[in-house]
Amino acid sequence: MPNNAEIAAKLLRDAADFFRHVGDQNAPIKPQMDHNARAFETVADMVETDPTGEFDTPGPDGQAG
């Protein structure tokens, strides 16, 4: 039985596939859809390799936290 991280990674990869299919059908938005797909795949990799890891994003002032 898959754990939650495995399910999350699968959903993220499926979303990446969806973005790629949308981009393949809509040339004007293909670059953005490819970018989205890469982002979802990156997060899927993170969830698989470090399911309890933390991700620090910059705040409004550009500083982490």
C-alpha atoms as a PDB file:
ATOM      1  CA  MET A   1       0.000   0.000   0.000  1.00  0.00           C
ATOM      2  CA  PRO A   2       1.492   3.401  -0.967  1.00  0.00           C
ATOM      3  CA  ASN A   3       2.170   5.972   1.707  1.00  0.00           C
ATOM      4  CA  ASN A   4       0.959   9.571   1.553  1.00  0.00           C
ATOM      5  CA  ALA A   5       4.222  10.877   0.087  1.00  0.00           C
ATOM      6  CA  GLU A   6       4.091   8.327  -2.723  1.00  0.00           C
ATOM      7  CA  ILE A   7       0.500   9.277  -3.514  1.00  0.00           C
ATOM      8  CA  ALA A   8       1.381  12.980  -3.448  1.00  0.00           C
ATOM      9  CA  ALA A   9       4.336  12.448  -5.786  1.00  0.00           C
ATOM     10  CA  LYS A  10       2.126  10.470  -8.202  1.00  0.00           C
ATOM     11  CA  LEU A  11      -0.498  13.238  -8.220  1.00  0.00           C
ATOM     12  CA  LEU A  12       2.180  15.859  -8.840  1.00  0.00           C
ATOM     13  CA  ARG A  13       3.627  13.857 -11.739  1.00  0.00           C
ATOM     14  CA  ASP A  14       0.146  13.366 -13.195  1.00  0.00           C
ATOM     15  CA  ALA A  15      -0.394  17.125 -12.980  1.00  0.00           C
ATOM     16  CA  ALA A  16       2.916  17.666 -14.780  1.00  0.00           C
ATOM     17  CA  ASP A  17       1.720  15.349 -17.560  1.00  0.00           C
ATOM     18  CA  PHE A  18      -1.528  17.321 -17.751  1.00  0.00           C
ATOM     19  CA  PHE A  19       0.353  20.609 -18.134  1.00  0.00           C
ATOM     20  CA  ARG A  20       2.486  19.115 -20.902  1.00  0.00           C
ATOM     21  CA  HIS A  21      -0.602  17.864 -22.758  1.00  0.00           C
ATOM     22  CA  VAL A  22      -2.259  21.263 -22.481  1.00  0.00           C
ATOM     23  CA  GLY A  23       0.906  22.913 -23.801  1.00  0.00           C
ATOM     24  CA  ASP A  24       1.109  20.449 -26.689  1.00  0.00           C
ATOM     25  CA  GLN A  25      -2.402  21.467 -27.737  1.00  0.00           C
ATOM     26  CA  ASN A  26      -1.881  25.221 -27.252  1.00  0.00           C
ATOM     27  CA  ALA A  27       1.363  26.505 -28.740  1.00  0.00           C
ATOM     28  CA  PRO A  28       1.053  30.070 -27.348  1.00  0.00           C
ATOM     29  CA  ILE A  29       1.043  28.799 -23.750  1.00  0.00           C
ATOM     30  CA  LYS A  30       3.426  25.854 -24.222  1.00  0.00           C
ATOM     31  CA  PRO A  31       6.419  27.574 -22.548  1.00  0.00           C
ATOM     32  CA  GLN A  32       4.364  28.347 -19.427  1.00  0.00           C
ATOM     33  CA  MET A  33       2.874  24.854 -19.331  1.00  0.00           C
ATOM     34  CA  ASP A  34       6.343  23.300 -19.664  1.00  0.00           C
ATOM     35  CA  HIS A  35       7.552  25.533 -16.824  1.00  0.00           C
ATOM     36  CA  ASN A  36       4.612  24.431 -14.662  1.00  0.00           C
ATOM     37  CA  ALA A  37       5.308  20.779 -15.480  1.00  0.00           C
ATOM     38  CA  ARG A  38       8.962  21.121 -14.452  1.00  0.00           C
ATOM     39  CA  ALA A  39       7.934  22.796 -11.191  1.00  0.00           C
ATOM     40  CA  PHE A  40       5.489  20.003 -10.342  1.00  0.00           C
ATOM     41  CA  GLU A  41       8.112  17.357 -11.169  1.00  0.00           C
ATOM     42  CA  THR A  42      10.658  19.129  -8.964  1.00  0.00           C
ATOM     43  CA  VAL A  43       8.264  19.127  -6.027  1.00  0.00           C
ATOM     44  CA  ALA A  44       7.405  15.465  -6.696  1.00  0.00           C
ATOM     45  CA  ASP A  45      11.125  14.668  -6.474  1.00  0.00           C
ATOM     46  CA  MET A  46      11.366  16.598  -3.206  1.00  0.00           C
ATOM     47  CA  VAL A  47       8.375  14.753  -1.723  1.00  0.00           C
ATOM     48  CA  GLU A  48       9.859  11.404  -2.710  1.00  0.00           C
ATOM     49  CA  THR A  49      13.371  12.060  -1.445  1.00  0.00           C
ATOM     50  CA  ASP A  50      12.550  14.052   1.702  1.00  0.00           C
ATOM     51  CA  PRO A  51       8.840  13.725   2.555  1.00  0.00           C
ATOM     52  CA  THR A  52       9.112  15.656   5.813  1.00  0.00           C
ATOM     53  CA  GLY A  53      11.532  18.286   4.533  1.00  0.00           C
ATOM     54  CA  GLU A  54      10.811  21.976   4.736  1.00  0.00           C
ATOM     55  CA  PHE A  55      10.887  24.502   1.930  1.00  0.00           C
ATOM     56  CA  ASP A  56      11.771  28.072   2.830  1.00  0.00           C
ATOM     57  CA  THR A  57      10.311  30.648   0.464  1.00  0.00           C
ATOM     58  CA  PRO A  58      11.171  34.348   0.291  1.00  0.00           C
ATOM     59  CA  GLY A  59       8.768  36.751   1.907  1.00  0.00           C
ATOM     60  CA  PRO A  60       7.548  40.054   0.464  1.00  0.00           C
ATOM     61  CA  ASP A  61      10.869  41.705   1.343  1.00  0.00           C
ATOM     62  CA  GLY A  62      12.813  39.021  -0.580  1.00  0.00           C
ATOM     63  CA  GLN A  63      14.207  37.485   2.593  1.00  0.00           C
ATOM     64  CA  ALA A  64      13.631  33.829   3.474  1.00  0.00           C
ATOM     65  CA  GLY A  65      11.177  33.052   6.194  1.00  0.00           C
END
